[in-house]
Amino acid sequence: MKKIIKMRQMSDNQKGIIRKVSATGDVGRRIREMGLVKDTPIRIQGRAPLKDPVAVKIRDFVLTLRNNEASNILVEVDVPEQD
């Protein structure tokens, strides 16, 4: 089953596809310039000990985002069906 969640809600090693970047202004421009655009596959590589920032694997590189930036990115993920 597919579900749309904020990137900051993703678990370590979870994969997904970016469906929307809702940030505007300088933050939105910066996020898009880093390659975080619609239909891009990503994987959460890990998090800092205090859960901020988050490391994101995109294409052949890893970048880090603060949680407030990751909240502006909606990602489609697979969610296991519950019985």
N, C-alpha and C. Protein backbone atom coordinates (compact mmCIF):
# COMPACT_ATOMS: atom_id res chain seq x y z
N MET A 1 0.85 -1.17 0.00
CA MET A 1 0.00 0.00 0.00
C MET A 1 0.90 1.25 0.00
N LYS A 2 0.53 2.23 -0.77
CA LYS A 2 1.29 3.48 -0.87
C LYS A 2 0.69 4.53 0.06
N LYS A 3 1.57 5.41 0.56
CA LYS A 3 1.12 6.47 1.46
C LYS A 3 2.02 7.68 1.24
N ILE A 4 1.45 8.88 1.35
CA ILE A 4 2.21 10.11 1.23
C ILE A 4 2.49 10.64 2.64
N ILE A 5 3.79 10.83 2.95
CA ILE A 5 4.19 11.35 4.25
C ILE A 5 5.25 12.43 4.06
N LYS A 6 5.50 13.19 5.11
CA LYS A 6 6.59 14.16 5.08
C LYS A 6 7.91 13.42 5.18
N MET A 7 8.92 13.94 4.52
CA MET A 7 10.23 13.29 4.54
C MET A 7 10.74 13.12 5.97
N ARG A 8 10.49 14.05 6.84
CA ARG A 8 11.00 13.95 8.21
C ARG A 8 10.39 12.79 8.99
N GLN A 9 9.28 12.23 8.51
CA GLN A 9 8.63 11.10 9.16
C GLN A 9 9.17 9.75 8.69
N MET A 10 10.02 9.76 7.69
CA MET A 10 10.56 8.51 7.16
C MET A 10 11.56 7.89 8.12
N SER A 11 11.67 6.57 8.06
CA SER A 11 12.59 5.82 8.91
C SER A 11 13.94 5.67 8.20
N ASP A 12 14.98 5.34 8.96
CA ASP A 12 16.28 5.07 8.38
C ASP A 12 16.16 3.94 7.36
N ASN A 13 16.84 4.09 6.23
CA ASN A 13 16.87 3.14 5.12
C ASN A 13 15.55 3.01 4.38
N GLN A 14 14.54 3.80 4.71
CA GLN A 14 13.27 3.76 4.00
C GLN A 14 13.42 4.48 2.66
N LYS A 15 12.84 3.90 1.63
CA LYS A 15 12.88 4.47 0.30
C LYS A 15 11.54 5.11 -0.04
N GLY A 16 11.60 6.08 -0.94
CA GLY A 16 10.38 6.73 -1.38
C GLY A 16 10.63 7.55 -2.63
N ILE A 17 9.55 8.14 -3.14
CA ILE A 17 9.62 8.98 -4.32
C ILE A 17 9.01 10.33 -3.97
N ILE A 18 9.74 11.39 -4.23
CA ILE A 18 9.25 12.73 -3.93
C ILE A 18 8.03 13.01 -4.80
N ARG A 19 6.96 13.45 -4.17
CA ARG A 19 5.73 13.77 -4.90
C ARG A 19 5.43 15.26 -4.92
N LYS A 20 5.95 16.01 -3.91
CA LYS A 20 5.68 17.45 -3.88
C LYS A 20 6.67 18.15 -2.97
N VAL A 21 7.13 19.31 -3.40
CA VAL A 21 7.93 20.19 -2.55
C VAL A 21 7.07 21.42 -2.29
N SER A 22 6.62 21.60 -1.05
CA SER A 22 5.69 22.67 -0.74
C SER A 22 6.36 23.96 -0.29
N ALA A 23 7.67 23.92 -0.10
CA ALA A 23 8.40 25.13 0.34
C ALA A 23 8.38 26.18 -0.77
N THR A 24 8.35 27.43 -0.34
CA THR A 24 8.38 28.53 -1.30
C THR A 24 9.56 29.43 -0.98
N GLY A 25 9.77 30.43 -1.80
CA GLY A 25 10.82 31.40 -1.54
C GLY A 25 12.20 30.79 -1.62
N ASP A 26 13.12 31.35 -0.83
CA ASP A 26 14.52 30.91 -0.85
C ASP A 26 14.68 29.45 -0.44
N VAL A 27 13.90 29.02 0.55
CA VAL A 27 14.01 27.62 1.01
C VAL A 27 13.59 26.67 -0.10
N GLY A 28 12.47 26.95 -0.75
CA GLY A 28 11.99 26.12 -1.85
C GLY A 28 12.98 26.08 -3.00
N ARG A 29 13.55 27.22 -3.33
CA ARG A 29 14.52 27.29 -4.42
C ARG A 29 15.76 26.47 -4.08
N ARG A 30 16.24 26.60 -2.85
CA ARG A 30 17.42 25.86 -2.41
C ARG A 30 17.19 24.36 -2.44
N ILE A 31 16.02 23.91 -1.98
CA ILE A 31 15.69 22.49 -1.98
C ILE A 31 15.68 21.95 -3.41
N ARG A 32 15.06 22.69 -4.32
CA ARG A 32 15.00 22.25 -5.72
C ARG A 32 16.37 22.26 -6.39
N GLU A 33 17.20 23.24 -6.05
CA GLU A 33 18.55 23.31 -6.63
C GLU A 33 19.41 22.12 -6.19
N MET A 34 19.11 21.54 -5.03
CA MET A 34 19.86 20.37 -4.57
C MET A 34 19.41 19.09 -5.28
N GLY A 35 18.39 19.19 -6.12
CA GLY A 35 17.91 18.03 -6.87
C GLY A 35 16.71 17.35 -6.27
N LEU A 36 16.16 17.91 -5.20
CA LEU A 36 14.97 17.33 -4.57
C LEU A 36 13.73 17.86 -5.28
N VAL A 37 13.38 17.20 -6.37
CA VAL A 37 12.25 17.61 -7.20
C VAL A 37 11.29 16.44 -7.37
N LYS A 38 10.10 16.74 -7.84
CA LYS A 38 9.05 15.75 -8.01
C LYS A 38 9.54 14.55 -8.83
N ASP A 39 9.10 13.37 -8.42
CA ASP A 39 9.38 12.08 -9.07
C ASP A 39 10.82 11.59 -8.91
N THR A 40 11.56 12.16 -7.97
CA THR A 40 12.94 11.72 -7.71
C THR A 40 12.94 10.67 -6.61
N PRO A 41 13.54 9.48 -6.87
CA PRO A 41 13.65 8.47 -5.82
C PRO A 41 14.70 8.89 -4.78
N ILE A 42 14.40 8.61 -3.52
CA ILE A 42 15.32 8.94 -2.42
C ILE A 42 15.35 7.78 -1.43
N ARG A 43 16.35 7.81 -0.55
CA ARG A 43 16.43 6.85 0.57
C ARG A 43 17.01 7.59 1.76
N ILE A 44 16.44 7.37 2.92
CA ILE A 44 16.96 7.98 4.14
C ILE A 44 18.18 7.17 4.57
N GLN A 45 19.33 7.82 4.58
CA GLN A 45 20.58 7.14 4.91
C GLN A 45 20.80 7.08 6.42
N GLY A 46 20.37 8.09 7.14
CA GLY A 46 20.54 8.09 8.58
C GLY A 46 20.22 9.45 9.17
N ARG A 47 20.37 9.55 10.48
CA ARG A 47 20.07 10.78 11.20
C ARG A 47 21.16 11.04 12.23
N ALA A 48 21.29 12.29 12.58
CA ALA A 48 22.20 12.66 13.66
C ALA A 48 21.65 12.12 14.98
N PRO A 49 22.48 12.02 16.02
CA PRO A 49 22.02 11.46 17.30
C PRO A 49 20.77 12.13 17.88
N LEU A 50 20.59 13.40 17.65
CA LEU A 50 19.39 14.08 18.16
C LEU A 50 18.29 14.16 17.11
N LYS A 51 18.39 13.35 16.06
CA LYS A 51 17.39 13.21 14.99
C LYS A 51 17.33 14.39 14.03
N ASP A 52 18.26 15.32 14.11
CA ASP A 52 18.28 16.47 13.22
C ASP A 52 19.73 16.86 13.00
N PRO A 53 20.25 16.86 11.80
CA PRO A 53 19.58 16.73 10.49
C PRO A 53 19.43 15.28 10.05
N VAL A 54 18.81 15.13 8.88
CA VAL A 54 18.59 13.83 8.26
C VAL A 54 19.48 13.75 7.01
N ALA A 55 20.11 12.59 6.81
CA ALA A 55 20.94 12.36 5.62
C ALA A 55 20.10 11.63 4.58
N VAL A 56 20.06 12.18 3.37
CA VAL A 56 19.22 11.66 2.30
C VAL A 56 20.10 11.24 1.12
N LYS A 57 19.93 10.00 0.67
CA LYS A 57 20.64 9.51 -0.52
C LYS A 57 19.78 9.83 -1.73
N ILE A 58 20.34 10.60 -2.65
CA ILE A 58 19.63 10.98 -3.86
C ILE A 58 20.60 10.80 -5.03
N ARG A 59 20.20 10.01 -5.99
CA ARG A 59 21.08 9.64 -7.10
C ARG A 59 22.39 9.07 -6.55
N ASP A 60 23.53 9.66 -6.87
CA ASP A 60 24.81 9.11 -6.40
C ASP A 60 25.45 9.93 -5.29
N PHE A 61 24.67 10.72 -4.58
CA PHE A 61 25.26 11.52 -3.52
C PHE A 61 24.35 11.56 -2.30
N VAL A 62 24.92 12.01 -1.19
CA VAL A 62 24.18 12.14 0.07
C VAL A 62 24.17 13.60 0.46
N LEU A 63 23.02 14.09 0.86
CA LEU A 63 22.93 15.46 1.38
C LEU A 63 22.18 15.44 2.69
N THR A 64 22.35 16.50 3.46
CA THR A 64 21.66 16.58 4.74
C THR A 64 20.68 17.74 4.73
N LEU A 65 19.57 17.52 5.40
CA LEU A 65 18.52 18.53 5.53
C LEU A 65 18.11 18.64 6.98
N ARG A 66 17.81 19.83 7.40
CA ARG A 66 17.21 20.03 8.72
C ARG A 66 15.79 19.51 8.67
N ASN A 67 15.24 19.13 9.81
CA ASN A 67 13.87 18.61 9.85
C ASN A 67 12.86 19.64 9.38
N ASN A 68 13.09 20.93 9.66
CA ASN A 68 12.12 21.93 9.19
C ASN A 68 12.12 22.02 7.66
N GLU A 69 13.25 21.72 7.00
CA GLU A 69 13.29 21.67 5.54
C GLU A 69 12.64 20.38 5.04
N ALA A 70 12.92 19.27 5.70
CA ALA A 70 12.36 17.98 5.29
C ALA A 70 10.84 17.93 5.46
N SER A 71 10.29 18.78 6.31
CA SER A 71 8.83 18.84 6.49
C SER A 71 8.12 19.38 5.26
N ASN A 72 8.85 20.09 4.40
CA ASN A 72 8.27 20.67 3.20
C ASN A 72 8.30 19.74 1.99
N ILE A 73 8.77 18.51 2.19
CA ILE A 73 8.90 17.57 1.09
C ILE A 73 7.99 16.38 1.36
N LEU A 74 7.01 16.16 0.47
CA LEU A 74 6.09 15.04 0.60
C LEU A 74 6.59 13.88 -0.25
N VAL A 75 6.63 12.70 0.35
CA VAL A 75 7.22 11.52 -0.27
C VAL A 75 6.21 10.38 -0.27
N GLU A 76 6.14 9.66 -1.38
CA GLU A 76 5.30 8.46 -1.46
C GLU A 76 6.14 7.26 -1.03
N VAL A 77 5.66 6.54 -0.04
CA VAL A 77 6.39 5.38 0.49
C VAL A 77 5.48 4.16 0.50
N ASP A 78 6.09 2.99 0.53
CA ASP A 78 5.34 1.74 0.70
C ASP A 78 5.10 1.52 2.17
N VAL A 79 3.88 1.20 2.53
CA VAL A 79 3.53 0.90 3.92
C VAL A 79 3.00 -0.52 3.96
N PRO A 80 3.57 -1.36 4.82
CA PRO A 80 3.07 -2.74 4.90
C PRO A 80 1.61 -2.76 5.34
N GLU A 81 0.84 -3.61 4.69
CA GLU A 81 -0.57 -3.73 5.06
C GLU A 81 -0.70 -4.46 6.38
N GLN A 82 -1.61 -3.96 7.21
CA GLN A 82 -1.84 -4.59 8.52
C GLN A 82 -3.03 -5.53 8.43
N ASP A 83 -2.94 -6.63 9.15
CA ASP A 83 -4.04 -7.61 9.15
C ASP A 83 -5.17 -7.17 10.02
